[in-house]
Structure formats: structure tokens, C-alpha cells
Amino acid sequence: MNNTLKNTTAKKNDFISGYQMIGGLIGLAFMFAIFFNVEEINNSYIFILGLGFLFYIFSFIAGLFLFQGKTYALKISLINQILQIFGFSFWGYGFEYVAGVSFDFFIKYTDSLDFTINIGLSNWHILLNNDTGIEQVSINMVALVLAIFIVRLQKQNNVEKSNIGT
């Protein structure tokens, strides 16, 4: 029975690991495509692209550490998912990061309040002093579900460790 539970936990870890590594790789491919298709490069553009690369590398490393069975890997994976839950755009500043799949609920305000749903793959959106006239908040339901899943997996791993110790 205990072996079955351990195998199930390992499969869950492998799923999260693969998801994060694939999401990170898709995001990195996306960032390379943007980098090589831009006409003019300036310092702020390099800064924004650099941040994007770092986030996608972070996602890949979080998955890699989980695959390798590092003790802190679930904590890093949880941080990675939490960063992806909320997106926003207010007063010319905005942020959205998705490494994997997104199912977003958007609340937008232009001239009126608008609710929309968006489905997509790895994406990166950052605004620095660039007012688009759109004020919005988004919630990525996939990242929210995965964060809850990881918290439960952490608890399950702690129970397994305490059972091994007894």
C-alpha cells in the first residue's frame, strides 16, 4: 500500500516537473522569436526581454529540480505557479507571466466594465510607463489549480516522510 502511494506521488511530481519544463521551453522559444523579429533594440527592451528569459528559465529549473527530487523543488514550483496566477495592467504598468497553459478570467475597464475569458500558451506581458488606456486584472485558473495541487502534494510528501521515520 505504501509503495502504491509513493508511486502515485512520484507520478504527480513528474507531471508537475514536465509541465514546468515544457512551459519554460515554450516560453524561451517565444522569447527568442520576439528577440530576432524586433526592428529596434534599446535598453528598456533588453531589460524587459531579459526578465522574460529569467522567468522562463526559472520555470524550467523548477521543473528540473522537481524531476531530480531536490528537497526544495516543490517550494520553488509553488513560487513559479503563484507568479502566474495574477496579471494586471494599471496606469501604464502591467505584468503577466504564463509558462504553460493559461485559462484566464479578465476584468477590464476601458469605458465600461468588461469580463472576458482567454485560453493560451506561454506568454509574457510587461508594461513600463506605457499607458494603453486599458485597466485590467486577470486570474490564470490553471496556475491557481496547480498551486493548490502543489500545496496538497507538499502535505502528502510530508505525511510520507513522517511515515518512513516511524
C-alpha atoms as a PDB file:
ATOM      1  CA  MET A   1       0.000   0.000   0.000  1.00  0.00           C
ATOM      2  CA  ASN A   2       2.752   2.458   0.968  1.00  0.00           C
ATOM      3  CA  ASN A   3       4.615   1.689  -2.306  1.00  0.00           C
ATOM      4  CA  THR A   4       1.455   2.479  -4.296  1.00  0.00           C
ATOM      5  CA  LEU A   5       1.115   5.829  -2.530  1.00  0.00           C
ATOM      6  CA  LYS A   6       4.784   6.590  -3.165  1.00  0.00           C
ATOM      7  CA  ASN A   7       4.430   5.714  -6.877  1.00  0.00           C
ATOM      8  CA  THR A   8       1.360   7.958  -7.161  1.00  0.00           C
ATOM      9  CA  THR A   9       3.253  10.834  -5.548  1.00  0.00           C
ATOM     10  CA  ALA A  10       6.201  10.294  -7.899  1.00  0.00           C
ATOM     11  CA  LYS A  11       3.832  10.412 -10.897  1.00  0.00           C
ATOM     12  CA  LYS A  12       2.330  13.673  -9.640  1.00  0.00           C
ATOM     13  CA  ASN A  13       5.827  15.136  -9.168  1.00  0.00           C
ATOM     14  CA  ASP A  14       6.765  14.007 -12.685  1.00  0.00           C
ATOM     15  CA  PHE A  15       3.618  15.633 -14.123  1.00  0.00           C
ATOM     16  CA  ILE A  16       4.333  18.995 -12.471  1.00  0.00           C
ATOM     17  CA  SER A  17       8.003  18.692 -13.414  1.00  0.00           C
ATOM     18  CA  GLY A  18       7.274  18.012 -17.088  1.00  0.00           C
ATOM     19  CA  TYR A  19       4.632  20.722 -17.238  1.00  0.00           C
ATOM     20  CA  GLN A  20       7.021  23.362 -15.886  1.00  0.00           C
ATOM     21  CA  MET A  21       9.942  22.316 -18.084  1.00  0.00           C
ATOM     22  CA  ILE A  22       7.809  22.251 -21.258  1.00  0.00           C
ATOM     23  CA  GLY A  23       6.157  25.577 -20.348  1.00  0.00           C
ATOM     24  CA  GLY A  24       9.583  27.116 -19.758  1.00  0.00           C
ATOM     25  CA  LEU A  25      10.925  25.816 -23.080  1.00  0.00           C
ATOM     26  CA  ILE A  26       7.879  27.093 -24.990  1.00  0.00           C
ATOM     27  CA  GLY A  27       8.314  30.474 -23.307  1.00  0.00           C
ATOM     28  CA  LEU A  28      12.023  30.579 -24.156  1.00  0.00           C
ATOM     29  CA  ALA A  29      11.234  29.770 -27.804  1.00  0.00           C
ATOM     30  CA  PHE A  30       8.659  32.563 -27.739  1.00  0.00           C
ATOM     31  CA  MET A  31      11.221  34.991 -26.307  1.00  0.00           C
ATOM     32  CA  PHE A  32      13.852  34.061 -28.925  1.00  0.00           C
ATOM     33  CA  ALA A  33      11.290  34.607 -31.689  1.00  0.00           C
ATOM     34  CA  ILE A  34      10.496  38.064 -30.331  1.00  0.00           C
ATOM     35  CA  PHE A  35      14.174  38.931 -29.925  1.00  0.00           C
ATOM     36  CA  PHE A  36      15.041  38.081 -33.524  1.00  0.00           C
ATOM     37  CA  ASN A  37      11.984  39.807 -35.009  1.00  0.00           C
ATOM     38  CA  VAL A  38      12.391  43.220 -33.428  1.00  0.00           C
ATOM     39  CA  GLU A  39      13.496  46.150 -35.544  1.00  0.00           C
ATOM     40  CA  GLU A  40      14.897  48.474 -32.889  1.00  0.00           C
ATOM     41  CA  ILE A  41      16.597  47.399 -29.662  1.00  0.00           C
ATOM     42  CA  ASN A  42      17.024  49.810 -26.743  1.00  0.00           C
ATOM     43  CA  ASN A  43      17.935  49.416 -23.063  1.00  0.00           C
ATOM     44  CA  SER A  44      14.378  49.084 -21.759  1.00  0.00           C
ATOM     45  CA  TYR A  45      13.626  46.483 -24.426  1.00  0.00           C
ATOM     46  CA  ILE A  46      16.695  44.461 -23.396  1.00  0.00           C
ATOM     47  CA  PHE A  47      15.655  44.762 -19.735  1.00  0.00           C
ATOM     48  CA  ILE A  48      12.114  43.534 -20.437  1.00  0.00           C
ATOM     49  CA  LEU A  49      13.320  40.650 -22.610  1.00  0.00           C
ATOM     50  CA  GLY A  50      15.917  39.741 -20.010  1.00  0.00           C
ATOM     51  CA  LEU A  51      13.209  39.496 -17.350  1.00  0.00           C
ATOM     52  CA  GLY A  52      11.164  37.268 -19.637  1.00  0.00           C
ATOM     53  CA  PHE A  53      14.112  34.974 -20.242  1.00  0.00           C
ATOM     54  CA  LEU A  54      14.759  34.773 -16.480  1.00  0.00           C
ATOM     55  CA  PHE A  55      11.157  33.842 -15.695  1.00  0.00           C
ATOM     56  CA  TYR A  56      11.097  31.070 -18.315  1.00  0.00           C
ATOM     57  CA  ILE A  57      14.476  29.761 -17.194  1.00  0.00           C
ATOM     58  CA  PHE A  58      13.115  29.774 -13.630  1.00  0.00           C
ATOM     59  CA  SER A  59      10.146  27.665 -14.761  1.00  0.00           C
ATOM     60  CA  PHE A  60      12.431  25.175 -16.494  1.00  0.00           C
ATOM     61  CA  ILE A  61      14.763  24.940 -13.483  1.00  0.00           C
ATOM     62  CA  ALA A  62      11.818  24.486 -11.095  1.00  0.00           C
ATOM     63  CA  GLY A  63      10.683  21.523 -13.177  1.00  0.00           C
ATOM     64  CA  LEU A  64      14.214  20.154 -13.462  1.00  0.00           C
ATOM     65  CA  PHE A  65      14.759  20.318  -9.692  1.00  0.00           C
ATOM     66  CA  LEU A  66      11.456  18.534  -9.117  1.00  0.00           C
ATOM     67  CA  PHE A  67      12.457  15.842 -11.623  1.00  0.00           C
ATOM     68  CA  GLN A  68      15.785  15.432  -9.802  1.00  0.00           C
ATOM     69  CA  GLY A  69      13.957  15.071  -6.482  1.00  0.00           C
ATOM     70  CA  LYS A  70      15.523  18.090  -4.757  1.00  0.00           C
ATOM     71  CA  THR A  71      14.020  18.660  -1.311  1.00  0.00           C
ATOM     72  CA  TYR A  72      13.124  22.304  -2.011  1.00  0.00           C
ATOM     73  CA  ALA A  73      11.737  21.671  -5.513  1.00  0.00           C
ATOM     74  CA  LEU A  74       8.047  21.814  -4.558  1.00  0.00           C
ATOM     75  CA  LYS A  75       8.590  25.180  -2.842  1.00  0.00           C
ATOM     76  CA  ILE A  76      10.215  26.580  -5.993  1.00  0.00           C
ATOM     77  CA  SER A  77       7.449  25.103  -8.133  1.00  0.00           C
ATOM     78  CA  LEU A  78       4.846  26.725  -5.898  1.00  0.00           C
ATOM     79  CA  ILE A  79       6.552  30.114  -6.249  1.00  0.00           C
ATOM     80  CA  ASN A  80       6.605  29.639 -10.021  1.00  0.00           C
ATOM     81  CA  GLN A  81       2.853  28.965 -10.106  1.00  0.00           C
ATOM     82  CA  ILE A  82       1.999  31.826  -7.728  1.00  0.00           C
ATOM     83  CA  LEU A  83       3.818  34.252 -10.048  1.00  0.00           C
ATOM     84  CA  GLN A  84       1.486  33.097 -12.827  1.00  0.00           C
ATOM     85  CA  ILE A  85      -1.854  33.409 -11.031  1.00  0.00           C
ATOM     86  CA  PHE A  86      -2.437  37.169 -11.256  1.00  0.00           C
ATOM     87  CA  GLY A  87      -1.819  39.582 -14.083  1.00  0.00           C
ATOM     88  CA  PHE A  88      -2.568  43.296 -14.129  1.00  0.00           C
ATOM     89  CA  SER A  89      -2.368  46.498 -16.109  1.00  0.00           C
ATOM     90  CA  PHE A  90      -2.868  49.852 -14.345  1.00  0.00           C
ATOM     91  CA  TRP A  91      -1.763  53.403 -15.121  1.00  0.00           C
ATOM     92  CA  GLY A  92       0.785  52.355 -17.721  1.00  0.00           C
ATOM     93  CA  TYR A  93       2.326  49.498 -15.744  1.00  0.00           C
ATOM     94  CA  GLY A  94       1.470  45.854 -16.212  1.00  0.00           C
ATOM     95  CA  PHE A  95       2.607  42.311 -15.721  1.00  0.00           C
ATOM     96  CA  GLU A  96       1.511  38.868 -16.867  1.00  0.00           C
ATOM     97  CA  TYR A  97       3.583  35.696 -16.947  1.00  0.00           C
ATOM     98  CA  VAL A  98       2.463  32.256 -18.081  1.00  0.00           C
ATOM     99  CA  ALA A  99       4.780  29.260 -18.508  1.00  0.00           C
ATOM    100  CA  GLY A 100       2.490  26.554 -19.817  1.00  0.00           C
ATOM    101  CA  VAL A 101      -1.246  26.762 -20.393  1.00  0.00           C
ATOM    102  CA  SER A 102      -3.455  29.640 -19.335  1.00  0.00           C
ATOM    103  CA  PHE A 103      -7.177  29.851 -18.809  1.00  0.00           C
ATOM    104  CA  ASP A 104      -7.576  33.475 -17.783  1.00  0.00           C
ATOM    105  CA  PHE A 105     -10.535  35.404 -16.457  1.00  0.00           C
ATOM    106  CA  PHE A 106     -10.073  39.093 -17.293  1.00  0.00           C
ATOM    107  CA  ILE A 107     -11.800  42.032 -15.700  1.00  0.00           C
ATOM    108  CA  LYS A 108     -11.126  45.030 -17.952  1.00  0.00           C
ATOM    109  CA  TYR A 109     -12.089  48.630 -17.628  1.00  0.00           C
ATOM    110  CA  THR A 110     -11.926  50.987 -20.586  1.00  0.00           C
ATOM    111  CA  ASP A 111     -15.140  52.966 -20.888  1.00  0.00           C
ATOM    112  CA  SER A 112     -17.106  50.263 -19.104  1.00  0.00           C
ATOM    113  CA  LEU A 113     -16.504  47.096 -17.124  1.00  0.00           C
ATOM    114  CA  ASP A 114     -15.854  44.046 -19.312  1.00  0.00           C
ATOM    115  CA  PHE A 115     -15.398  40.395 -18.354  1.00  0.00           C
ATOM    116  CA  THR A 116     -13.596  38.091 -20.769  1.00  0.00           C
ATOM    117  CA  ILE A 117     -12.025  34.643 -20.865  1.00  0.00           C
ATOM    118  CA  ASN A 118      -8.787  33.827 -22.659  1.00  0.00           C
ATOM    119  CA  ILE A 119      -7.082  30.489 -23.337  1.00  0.00           C
ATOM    120  CA  GLY A 120      -3.448  30.366 -24.410  1.00  0.00           C
ATOM    121  CA  LEU A 121       0.088  29.062 -24.087  1.00  0.00           C
ATOM    122  CA  SER A 122       3.213  30.508 -22.520  1.00  0.00           C
ATOM    123  CA  ASN A 123       3.165  34.283 -22.766  1.00  0.00           C
ATOM    124  CA  TRP A 124       4.875  37.274 -21.262  1.00  0.00           C
ATOM    125  CA  HIS A 125       3.463  40.758 -20.983  1.00  0.00           C
ATOM    126  CA  ILE A 126       5.073  43.679 -19.195  1.00  0.00           C
ATOM    127  CA  LEU A 127       4.323  47.377 -19.423  1.00  0.00           C
ATOM    128  CA  LEU A 128       6.625  50.073 -18.060  1.00  0.00           C
ATOM    129  CA  ASN A 129       5.174  53.561 -18.266  1.00  0.00           C
ATOM    130  CA  ASN A 130       3.186  52.677 -21.392  1.00  0.00           C
ATOM    131  CA  ASP A 131      -0.445  53.624 -20.874  1.00  0.00           C
ATOM    132  CA  THR A 132      -2.672  51.554 -23.165  1.00  0.00           C
ATOM    133  CA  GLY A 133      -5.862  53.020 -21.739  1.00  0.00           C
ATOM    134  CA  ILE A 134      -6.891  49.583 -20.510  1.00  0.00           C
ATOM    135  CA  GLU A 135      -7.030  48.844 -16.809  1.00  0.00           C
ATOM    136  CA  GLN A 136      -7.299  45.120 -16.153  1.00  0.00           C
ATOM    137  CA  VAL A 137      -6.787  42.263 -13.728  1.00  0.00           C
ATOM    138  CA  SER A 138      -6.513  38.635 -14.782  1.00  0.00           C
ATOM    139  CA  ILE A 139      -6.591  35.359 -12.906  1.00  0.00           C
ATOM    140  CA  ASN A 140      -4.975  32.305 -14.505  1.00  0.00           C
ATOM    141  CA  MET A 141      -7.110  29.408 -13.313  1.00  0.00           C
ATOM    142  CA  VAL A 142      -4.600  26.762 -14.487  1.00  0.00           C
ATOM    143  CA  ALA A 143      -1.839  28.267 -12.319  1.00  0.00           C
ATOM    144  CA  LEU A 144      -4.263  28.598  -9.391  1.00  0.00           C
ATOM    145  CA  VAL A 145      -5.279  24.929  -9.631  1.00  0.00           C
ATOM    146  CA  LEU A 146      -1.632  23.848  -9.970  1.00  0.00           C
ATOM    147  CA  ALA A 147      -0.639  25.928  -6.924  1.00  0.00           C
ATOM    148  CA  ILE A 148      -3.362  24.221  -4.865  1.00  0.00           C
ATOM    149  CA  PHE A 149      -2.253  20.859  -6.286  1.00  0.00           C
ATOM    150  CA  ILE A 150       1.367  21.551  -5.258  1.00  0.00           C
ATOM    151  CA  VAL A 151       0.346  22.562  -1.720  1.00  0.00           C
ATOM    152  CA  ARG A 152      -1.562  19.277  -1.375  1.00  0.00           C
ATOM    153  CA  LEU A 153       1.400  17.398  -2.818  1.00  0.00           C
ATOM    154  CA  GLN A 154       3.691  19.042  -0.235  1.00  0.00           C
ATOM    155  CA  LYS A 155       1.375  17.848   2.542  1.00  0.00           C
ATOM    156  CA  GLN A 156       1.280  14.347   1.046  1.00  0.00           C
ATOM    157  CA  ASN A 157       5.085  14.269   0.835  1.00  0.00           C
ATOM    158  CA  ASN A 158       5.347  15.386   4.470  1.00  0.00           C
ATOM    159  CA  VAL A 159       2.988  12.579   5.542  1.00  0.00           C
ATOM    160  CA  GLU A 160       5.070  10.062   3.589  1.00  0.00           C
ATOM    161  CA  LYS A 161       8.287  11.298   5.191  1.00  0.00           C
ATOM    162  CA  SER A 162       6.806  11.073   8.664  1.00  0.00           C
ATOM    163  CA  ASN A 163       5.585   7.513   7.936  1.00  0.00           C
ATOM    164  CA  ILE A 164       9.051   6.486   6.801  1.00  0.00           C
ATOM    165  CA  GLY A 165      10.548   7.882  10.017  1.00  0.00           C
ATOM    166  CA  THR A 166       8.231   5.791  12.227  1.00  0.00           C
END
